[in-house]
Amino acid sequence: MLAFALSAAACYAQTGNNQVSIGAETNFPLGNGYSAIYHPGIGGNVKGLYGIGDAAQLAFTIGYNSFSGKSSSEFGKQTLSLLPIQAGYRYNLKSDFYAEGQAGVGILTTKIPGFSYSQTNFAAAINVGHTFGGFDASIRYYTEFDVFSSFAIRLAYNIPLGGKK
């Protein structure tokens, strides 16, 4: 049964749109005091998109963002880094807009001179975006629930990998 399901998915996916998306983003920390302690984060990510039919894609994303401490706070020399690793599902509309949900883990690392602390948390995200001429502009709400949340703006370039373009 598993072999049948995998072969059916592989045959069906050949009509899909396979891409690698490489992007830069700005993350704005939300809640839990993070927005008072840290400046907006700068970073980027790589996303693999595997077509499953005419309008859908499976997504796998890995990224990195760095947030510096605000010098006006006692945390001025502190930095926070975020490494999200997520899988998701993207639905593409004919108007080149899309909606995407993701789930996975986020690794948060806090560093101050002489000390570093990391934690891994369950993470989820909701993206909406628009593709145009190979580019991909999107906004995302990312959350590690009661630990960390952010709002991001991303600009990426999508590289086709065969399948439908």
N, C-alpha and C. Protein backbone atom coordinates (compact mmCIF):
# COMPACT_ATOMS: atom_id res chain seq x y z
N MET A 1 0.82 -1.19 0.00
CA MET A 1 0.00 0.00 0.00
C MET A 1 0.87 1.26 0.00
N LEU A 2 1.92 1.27 0.82
CA LEU A 2 2.82 2.42 0.89
C LEU A 2 3.50 2.64 -0.46
N ALA A 3 3.95 1.57 -1.10
CA ALA A 3 4.60 1.69 -2.41
C ALA A 3 3.65 2.29 -3.43
N PHE A 4 2.38 1.88 -3.41
CA PHE A 4 1.39 2.43 -4.33
C PHE A 4 1.19 3.92 -4.08
N ALA A 5 1.08 4.30 -2.82
CA ALA A 5 0.86 5.72 -2.49
C ALA A 5 2.05 6.57 -2.93
N LEU A 6 3.28 6.08 -2.69
CA LEU A 6 4.46 6.83 -3.09
C LEU A 6 4.58 6.94 -4.61
N SER A 7 4.31 5.85 -5.32
CA SER A 7 4.40 5.92 -6.77
C SER A 7 3.30 6.80 -7.36
N ALA A 8 2.12 6.78 -6.77
CA ALA A 8 1.03 7.64 -7.24
C ALA A 8 1.39 9.10 -7.00
N ALA A 9 1.97 9.40 -5.85
CA ALA A 9 2.37 10.78 -5.55
C ALA A 9 3.47 11.24 -6.50
N ALA A 10 4.43 10.37 -6.80
CA ALA A 10 5.51 10.73 -7.71
C ALA A 10 4.99 10.99 -9.12
N CYS A 11 4.08 10.17 -9.59
CA CYS A 11 3.50 10.37 -10.93
C CYS A 11 2.69 11.66 -10.97
N TYR A 12 1.92 11.91 -9.95
CA TYR A 12 1.08 13.10 -9.90
C TYR A 12 1.93 14.36 -9.80
N ALA A 13 3.04 14.28 -9.10
CA ALA A 13 3.88 15.45 -8.86
C ALA A 13 4.60 15.91 -10.12
N GLN A 14 4.71 15.05 -11.13
CA GLN A 14 5.41 15.44 -12.34
C GLN A 14 4.74 16.61 -13.04
N THR A 15 3.45 16.84 -12.81
CA THR A 15 2.79 17.97 -13.43
C THR A 15 2.95 19.23 -12.59
N GLY A 16 3.58 19.12 -11.44
CA GLY A 16 3.70 20.25 -10.52
C GLY A 16 4.87 21.16 -10.85
N ASN A 17 5.03 22.15 -10.00
CA ASN A 17 6.03 23.18 -10.17
C ASN A 17 7.10 23.00 -9.09
N ASN A 18 8.28 22.53 -9.47
CA ASN A 18 9.38 22.31 -8.53
C ASN A 18 10.32 23.50 -8.59
N GLN A 19 10.68 24.04 -7.42
CA GLN A 19 11.50 25.24 -7.36
C GLN A 19 12.39 25.23 -6.12
N VAL A 20 13.43 26.04 -6.18
CA VAL A 20 14.20 26.42 -5.00
C VAL A 20 14.04 27.93 -4.88
N SER A 21 13.68 28.38 -3.70
CA SER A 21 13.45 29.80 -3.45
C SER A 21 14.52 30.29 -2.47
N ILE A 22 15.28 31.30 -2.88
CA ILE A 22 16.34 31.86 -2.04
C ILE A 22 15.94 33.29 -1.71
N GLY A 23 15.83 33.59 -0.41
CA GLY A 23 15.32 34.90 -0.05
C GLY A 23 16.00 35.57 1.12
N ALA A 24 15.80 36.88 1.19
CA ALA A 24 16.24 37.70 2.31
C ALA A 24 15.00 38.22 3.02
N GLU A 25 15.12 38.43 4.32
CA GLU A 25 13.95 38.88 5.06
C GLU A 25 14.32 39.76 6.24
N THR A 26 13.33 40.52 6.67
CA THR A 26 13.41 41.30 7.89
C THR A 26 12.34 40.77 8.83
N ASN A 27 12.72 40.45 10.05
CA ASN A 27 11.82 39.91 11.07
C ASN A 27 11.61 40.93 12.18
N PHE A 28 10.37 41.13 12.54
CA PHE A 28 10.02 42.05 13.62
C PHE A 28 9.54 41.23 14.81
N PRO A 29 10.31 41.19 15.91
CA PRO A 29 9.89 40.40 17.07
C PRO A 29 8.61 40.97 17.69
N LEU A 30 7.77 40.07 18.18
CA LEU A 30 6.49 40.43 18.80
C LEU A 30 6.42 39.87 20.21
N GLY A 31 5.71 40.52 21.09
CA GLY A 31 5.36 39.99 22.40
C GLY A 31 6.50 39.52 23.28
N ASN A 32 6.15 39.08 24.47
CA ASN A 32 7.06 38.53 25.47
C ASN A 32 8.28 39.40 25.73
N GLY A 33 8.18 40.70 25.47
CA GLY A 33 9.28 41.61 25.72
C GLY A 33 10.35 41.65 24.65
N TYR A 34 10.29 40.74 23.67
CA TYR A 34 11.33 40.69 22.64
C TYR A 34 11.40 41.98 21.84
N SER A 35 10.26 42.59 21.54
CA SER A 35 10.28 43.83 20.74
C SER A 35 10.89 44.99 21.52
N ALA A 36 10.86 44.94 22.84
CA ALA A 36 11.47 45.98 23.66
C ALA A 36 12.99 45.78 23.79
N ILE A 37 13.45 44.54 23.65
CA ILE A 37 14.86 44.21 23.85
C ILE A 37 15.66 44.22 22.55
N TYR A 38 15.04 43.76 21.43
CA TYR A 38 15.77 43.54 20.18
C TYR A 38 15.28 44.42 19.04
N HIS A 39 16.25 44.80 18.20
CA HIS A 39 15.95 45.46 16.93
C HIS A 39 15.35 44.42 15.99
N PRO A 40 14.71 44.84 14.89
CA PRO A 40 14.26 43.87 13.89
C PRO A 40 15.44 43.02 13.41
N GLY A 41 15.17 41.76 13.15
CA GLY A 41 16.20 40.83 12.71
C GLY A 41 16.36 40.82 11.20
N ILE A 42 17.58 40.58 10.78
CA ILE A 42 17.91 40.47 9.36
C ILE A 42 18.39 39.05 9.11
N GLY A 43 17.97 38.47 7.99
CA GLY A 43 18.42 37.13 7.69
C GLY A 43 17.93 36.66 6.34
N GLY A 44 17.91 35.38 6.18
CA GLY A 44 17.47 34.80 4.92
C GLY A 44 17.11 33.35 5.10
N ASN A 45 16.62 32.78 4.01
CA ASN A 45 16.27 31.37 4.05
C ASN A 45 16.29 30.77 2.66
N VAL A 46 16.28 29.44 2.65
CA VAL A 46 16.19 28.67 1.43
C VAL A 46 14.98 27.77 1.58
N LYS A 47 14.19 27.74 0.52
CA LYS A 47 12.95 26.95 0.56
C LYS A 47 12.90 26.06 -0.67
N GLY A 48 12.71 24.77 -0.46
CA GLY A 48 12.47 23.85 -1.55
C GLY A 48 10.98 23.69 -1.73
N LEU A 49 10.51 23.80 -2.97
CA LEU A 49 9.09 23.66 -3.28
C LEU A 49 8.92 22.51 -4.27
N TYR A 50 8.13 21.53 -3.87
CA TYR A 50 7.91 20.32 -4.67
C TYR A 50 6.46 20.30 -5.13
N GLY A 51 6.25 20.40 -6.43
CA GLY A 51 4.90 20.48 -6.98
C GLY A 51 4.10 19.19 -6.84
N ILE A 52 2.87 19.33 -6.39
CA ILE A 52 1.95 18.19 -6.30
C ILE A 52 0.63 18.61 -6.98
N GLY A 53 0.64 18.57 -8.29
CA GLY A 53 -0.53 18.99 -9.04
C GLY A 53 -0.34 20.39 -9.57
N ASP A 54 -1.41 20.96 -10.10
CA ASP A 54 -1.33 22.27 -10.74
C ASP A 54 -1.23 23.43 -9.77
N ALA A 55 -1.79 23.32 -8.58
CA ALA A 55 -1.87 24.48 -7.69
C ALA A 55 -1.17 24.31 -6.35
N ALA A 56 -0.66 23.13 -6.05
CA ALA A 56 -0.13 22.91 -4.71
C ALA A 56 1.36 22.55 -4.75
N GLN A 57 2.03 22.87 -3.65
CA GLN A 57 3.43 22.52 -3.49
C GLN A 57 3.70 22.15 -2.03
N LEU A 58 4.55 21.15 -1.85
CA LEU A 58 5.07 20.86 -0.51
C LEU A 58 6.31 21.73 -0.34
N ALA A 59 6.49 22.28 0.85
CA ALA A 59 7.60 23.20 1.10
C ALA A 59 8.47 22.69 2.24
N PHE A 60 9.77 22.88 2.10
CA PHE A 60 10.72 22.63 3.18
C PHE A 60 11.61 23.86 3.29
N THR A 61 11.65 24.47 4.47
CA THR A 61 12.36 25.74 4.65
C THR A 61 13.37 25.64 5.78
N ILE A 62 14.54 26.22 5.55
CA ILE A 62 15.53 26.40 6.61
C ILE A 62 16.05 27.84 6.48
N GLY A 63 16.19 28.51 7.60
CA GLY A 63 16.59 29.91 7.55
C GLY A 63 17.46 30.30 8.73
N TYR A 64 17.86 31.56 8.72
CA TYR A 64 18.64 32.11 9.82
C TYR A 64 18.34 33.60 9.93
N ASN A 65 18.08 34.07 11.14
CA ASN A 65 17.86 35.49 11.41
C ASN A 65 18.63 35.88 12.66
N SER A 66 19.17 37.10 12.66
CA SER A 66 19.91 37.60 13.80
C SER A 66 19.30 38.91 14.27
N PHE A 67 19.06 39.01 15.57
CA PHE A 67 18.47 40.19 16.19
C PHE A 67 19.49 40.77 17.16
N SER A 68 19.84 42.03 17.01
CA SER A 68 20.79 42.66 17.95
C SER A 68 20.01 43.36 19.05
N GLY A 69 20.62 43.41 20.23
CA GLY A 69 20.00 44.08 21.36
C GLY A 69 19.96 45.58 21.17
N LYS A 70 18.92 46.21 21.69
CA LYS A 70 18.81 47.66 21.62
C LYS A 70 19.76 48.26 22.65
N SER A 71 20.58 49.19 22.22
CA SER A 71 21.58 49.77 23.12
C SER A 71 20.93 50.59 24.23
N SER A 72 19.69 51.02 24.03
CA SER A 72 19.01 51.78 25.07
C SER A 72 18.53 50.90 26.23
N SER A 73 18.62 49.59 26.05
CA SER A 73 18.20 48.68 27.12
C SER A 73 19.43 48.06 27.77
N GLU A 74 19.22 47.39 28.87
CA GLU A 74 20.32 46.70 29.55
C GLU A 74 20.83 45.51 28.75
N PHE A 75 20.12 45.16 27.68
CA PHE A 75 20.48 44.01 26.84
C PHE A 75 21.24 44.45 25.59
N GLY A 76 21.83 45.63 25.59
CA GLY A 76 22.48 46.20 24.42
C GLY A 76 23.54 45.33 23.77
N LYS A 77 24.25 44.52 24.54
CA LYS A 77 25.31 43.67 23.98
C LYS A 77 24.80 42.26 23.69
N GLN A 78 23.53 42.03 23.88
CA GLN A 78 22.95 40.71 23.70
C GLN A 78 22.47 40.54 22.26
N THR A 79 22.61 39.33 21.73
CA THR A 79 22.06 39.00 20.41
C THR A 79 21.17 37.77 20.53
N LEU A 80 20.22 37.70 19.63
CA LEU A 80 19.32 36.56 19.55
C LEU A 80 19.38 36.05 18.13
N SER A 81 19.55 34.75 17.96
CA SER A 81 19.49 34.19 16.61
C SER A 81 18.37 33.16 16.55
N LEU A 82 17.76 33.07 15.38
CA LEU A 82 16.65 32.16 15.14
C LEU A 82 16.98 31.30 13.94
N LEU A 83 16.86 30.00 14.10
CA LEU A 83 17.08 29.03 13.03
C LEU A 83 15.81 28.19 12.89
N PRO A 84 14.87 28.61 12.02
CA PRO A 84 13.67 27.80 11.82
C PRO A 84 13.90 26.70 10.79
N ILE A 85 13.36 25.51 11.08
CA ILE A 85 13.40 24.38 10.16
C ILE A 85 11.97 23.88 10.08
N GLN A 86 11.33 24.07 8.91
CA GLN A 86 9.90 23.78 8.82
C GLN A 86 9.53 23.12 7.50
N ALA A 87 8.46 22.34 7.54
CA ALA A 87 7.85 21.76 6.35
C ALA A 87 6.45 22.31 6.25
N GLY A 88 5.93 22.41 5.03
CA GLY A 88 4.61 22.99 4.89
C GLY A 88 3.93 22.65 3.58
N TYR A 89 2.81 23.31 3.38
CA TYR A 89 1.96 23.12 2.21
C TYR A 89 1.60 24.50 1.66
N ARG A 90 1.84 24.70 0.36
CA ARG A 90 1.52 25.98 -0.29
C ARG A 90 0.43 25.73 -1.33
N TYR A 91 -0.57 26.61 -1.30
CA TYR A 91 -1.61 26.57 -2.32
C TYR A 91 -1.50 27.84 -3.16
N ASN A 92 -1.31 27.67 -4.47
CA ASN A 92 -1.12 28.78 -5.40
C ASN A 92 -2.43 29.09 -6.12
N LEU A 93 -2.83 30.35 -6.10
CA LEU A 93 -4.01 30.79 -6.84
C LEU A 93 -3.60 31.17 -8.26
N LYS A 94 -4.53 31.17 -9.17
CA LYS A 94 -4.24 31.52 -10.56
C LYS A 94 -3.76 32.97 -10.70
N SER A 95 -4.07 33.81 -9.73
CA SER A 95 -3.66 35.22 -9.76
C SER A 95 -2.22 35.43 -9.28
N ASP A 96 -1.45 34.35 -9.10
CA ASP A 96 -0.07 34.37 -8.62
C ASP A 96 0.06 34.72 -7.14
N PHE A 97 -1.04 34.74 -6.41
CA PHE A 97 -0.99 34.85 -4.96
C PHE A 97 -0.98 33.44 -4.38
N TYR A 98 -0.47 33.31 -3.16
CA TYR A 98 -0.46 32.00 -2.51
C TYR A 98 -0.64 32.14 -1.01
N ALA A 99 -1.02 31.03 -0.40
CA ALA A 99 -1.10 30.91 1.05
C ALA A 99 -0.34 29.65 1.43
N GLU A 100 0.39 29.71 2.55
CA GLU A 100 1.24 28.59 2.93
C GLU A 100 1.24 28.44 4.44
N GLY A 101 1.03 27.22 4.90
CA GLY A 101 1.16 26.90 6.31
C GLY A 101 2.39 26.05 6.53
N GLN A 102 3.06 26.23 7.68
CA GLN A 102 4.28 25.48 7.97
C GLN A 102 4.29 25.05 9.43
N ALA A 103 4.98 23.96 9.69
CA ALA A 103 5.20 23.50 11.06
C ALA A 103 6.59 22.86 11.13
N GLY A 104 7.20 22.92 12.29
CA GLY A 104 8.52 22.34 12.48
C GLY A 104 9.10 22.76 13.80
N VAL A 105 10.38 23.08 13.79
CA VAL A 105 11.05 23.51 15.01
C VAL A 105 11.77 24.83 14.76
N GLY A 106 11.99 25.55 15.84
CA GLY A 106 12.79 26.77 15.81
C GLY A 106 13.85 26.67 16.89
N ILE A 107 15.07 27.01 16.55
CA ILE A 107 16.16 27.00 17.51
C ILE A 107 16.51 28.44 17.81
N LEU A 108 16.27 28.85 19.04
CA LEU A 108 16.58 30.21 19.50
C LEU A 108 17.87 30.16 20.31
N THR A 109 18.80 31.06 20.00
CA THR A 109 20.06 31.15 20.73
C THR A 109 20.26 32.58 21.21
N THR A 110 20.43 32.73 22.50
CA THR A 110 20.71 34.04 23.10
C THR A 110 22.19 34.07 23.46
N LYS A 111 22.87 35.16 23.05
CA LYS A 111 24.30 35.29 23.34
C LYS A 111 24.56 36.63 23.99
N ILE A 112 25.35 36.60 25.04
CA ILE A 112 25.91 37.80 25.65
C ILE A 112 27.40 37.50 25.84
N PRO A 113 28.23 38.48 25.99
CA PRO A 113 29.65 38.18 26.18
C PRO A 113 29.86 37.18 27.32
N GLY A 114 30.48 36.05 26.99
CA GLY A 114 30.79 35.03 27.99
C GLY A 114 29.69 34.03 28.28
N PHE A 115 28.54 34.11 27.59
CA PHE A 115 27.44 33.20 27.87
C PHE A 115 26.59 33.00 26.63
N SER A 116 26.11 31.77 26.45
CA SER A 116 25.22 31.45 25.34
C SER A 116 24.20 30.42 25.81
N TYR A 117 22.96 30.58 25.36
CA TYR A 117 21.90 29.64 25.73
C TYR A 117 21.04 29.35 24.51
N SER A 118 20.79 28.07 24.22
CA SER A 118 19.95 27.68 23.09
C SER A 118 18.78 26.85 23.57
N GLN A 119 17.68 26.98 22.86
CA GLN A 119 16.51 26.14 23.12
C GLN A 119 15.83 25.81 21.80
N THR A 120 15.25 24.62 21.72
CA THR A 120 14.53 24.18 20.53
C THR A 120 13.07 24.06 20.89
N ASN A 121 12.22 24.67 20.07
CA ASN A 121 10.79 24.70 20.35
C ASN A 121 9.99 24.31 19.11
N PHE A 122 8.78 23.79 19.33
CA PHE A 122 7.86 23.57 18.22
C PHE A 122 7.52 24.94 17.63
N ALA A 123 7.43 25.01 16.32
CA ALA A 123 7.15 26.29 15.66
C ALA A 123 6.14 26.10 14.53
N ALA A 124 5.39 27.15 14.25
CA ALA A 124 4.43 27.15 13.15
C ALA A 124 4.46 28.52 12.49
N ALA A 125 4.04 28.56 11.23
CA ALA A 125 4.02 29.83 10.51
C ALA A 125 2.90 29.82 9.48
N ILE A 126 2.43 31.02 9.17
CA ILE A 126 1.46 31.23 8.11
C ILE A 126 2.04 32.30 7.19
N ASN A 127 2.14 31.98 5.90
CA ASN A 127 2.68 32.91 4.89
C ASN A 127 1.60 33.25 3.88
N VAL A 128 1.61 34.46 3.40
CA VAL A 128 0.85 34.84 2.21
C VAL A 128 1.80 35.62 1.32
N GLY A 129 1.69 35.41 0.01
CA GLY A 129 2.62 36.09 -0.87
C GLY A 129 2.14 36.18 -2.29
N HIS A 130 3.00 36.75 -3.11
CA HIS A 130 2.72 36.96 -4.53
C HIS A 130 3.99 36.69 -5.31
N THR A 131 3.88 35.93 -6.40
CA THR A 131 5.02 35.67 -7.26
C THR A 131 4.87 36.49 -8.54
N PHE A 132 6.02 36.99 -9.05
CA PHE A 132 6.00 37.80 -10.27
C PHE A 132 7.39 37.76 -10.91
N GLY A 133 7.43 37.35 -12.16
CA GLY A 133 8.69 37.34 -12.90
C GLY A 133 9.83 36.60 -12.23
N GLY A 134 9.55 35.50 -11.56
CA GLY A 134 10.58 34.74 -10.85
C GLY A 134 10.80 35.19 -9.42
N PHE A 135 10.27 36.34 -9.05
CA PHE A 135 10.41 36.85 -7.69
C PHE A 135 9.22 36.42 -6.84
N ASP A 136 9.43 36.45 -5.54
CA ASP A 136 8.43 36.02 -4.57
C ASP A 136 8.47 37.01 -3.40
N ALA A 137 7.40 37.76 -3.21
CA ALA A 137 7.30 38.71 -2.09
C ALA A 137 6.24 38.17 -1.13
N SER A 138 6.58 38.09 0.15
CA SER A 138 5.62 37.51 1.09
C SER A 138 5.73 38.14 2.48
N ILE A 139 4.70 37.90 3.25
CA ILE A 139 4.69 38.25 4.68
C ILE A 139 4.38 36.98 5.46
N ARG A 140 4.92 36.91 6.68
CA ARG A 140 4.75 35.67 7.46
C ARG A 140 4.56 36.02 8.93
N TYR A 141 3.66 35.28 9.56
CA TYR A 141 3.55 35.29 11.01
C TYR A 141 4.16 33.98 11.49
N TYR A 142 5.19 34.07 12.32
CA TYR A 142 5.91 32.92 12.84
C TYR A 142 5.72 32.88 14.34
N THR A 143 5.48 31.69 14.88
CA THR A 143 5.32 31.60 16.34
C THR A 143 5.93 30.32 16.91
N GLU A 144 6.51 30.48 18.07
CA GLU A 144 6.91 29.37 18.92
C GLU A 144 6.02 29.40 20.16
N PHE A 145 4.81 29.86 19.94
CA PHE A 145 3.74 29.96 20.93
C PHE A 145 4.14 30.82 22.12
N ASP A 146 4.22 30.32 23.32
CA ASP A 146 4.48 31.19 24.47
C ASP A 146 5.95 31.58 24.63
N VAL A 147 6.82 31.22 23.66
CA VAL A 147 8.24 31.53 23.76
C VAL A 147 8.62 32.74 22.89
N PHE A 148 8.33 32.69 21.60
CA PHE A 148 8.77 33.73 20.66
C PHE A 148 7.82 33.79 19.48
N SER A 149 7.56 35.00 18.99
CA SER A 149 6.76 35.21 17.79
C SER A 149 7.35 36.37 17.00
N SER A 150 7.14 36.36 15.68
CA SER A 150 7.62 37.47 14.85
C SER A 150 6.75 37.62 13.62
N PHE A 151 6.88 38.78 13.01
CA PHE A 151 6.24 39.11 11.75
C PHE A 151 7.37 39.39 10.77
N ALA A 152 7.36 38.75 9.60
CA ALA A 152 8.47 38.90 8.65
C ALA A 152 8.00 39.37 7.29
N ILE A 153 8.89 40.09 6.62
CA ILE A 153 8.71 40.50 5.23
C ILE A 153 9.86 39.87 4.45
N ARG A 154 9.53 39.14 3.38
CA ARG A 154 10.54 38.38 2.63
C ARG A 154 10.48 38.72 1.15
N LEU A 155 11.66 38.83 0.53
CA LEU A 155 11.77 38.95 -0.91
C LEU A 155 12.72 37.86 -1.37
N ALA A 156 12.28 37.06 -2.33
CA ALA A 156 13.07 35.91 -2.76
C ALA A 156 13.07 35.80 -4.28
N TYR A 157 13.97 34.97 -4.76
CA TYR A 157 13.98 34.62 -6.18
C TYR A 157 13.76 33.11 -6.27
N ASN A 158 12.82 32.71 -7.12
CA ASN A 158 12.48 31.30 -7.30
C ASN A 158 13.19 30.75 -8.54
N ILE A 159 13.93 29.67 -8.35
CA ILE A 159 14.65 29.03 -9.42
C ILE A 159 13.90 27.75 -9.82
N PRO A 160 13.40 27.64 -11.05
CA PRO A 160 12.67 26.45 -11.48
C PRO A 160 13.59 25.24 -11.55
N LEU A 161 13.04 24.07 -11.20
CA LEU A 161 13.81 22.82 -11.23
C LEU A 161 13.12 21.77 -12.08
N GLY A 162 12.58 22.11 -13.17
CA GLY A 162 11.87 21.14 -14.00
C GLY A 162 10.40 21.10 -13.62
N GLY A 163 9.66 20.25 -14.24
CA GLY A 163 8.21 20.26 -14.03
C GLY A 163 7.63 21.48 -14.73
N LYS A 164 6.44 21.83 -14.38
CA LYS A 164 5.76 22.97 -15.00
C LYS A 164 6.39 24.27 -14.52
N LYS A 165 6.54 25.25 -15.37
CA LYS A 165 7.13 26.53 -15.01
C LYS A 165 6.07 27.60 -14.85
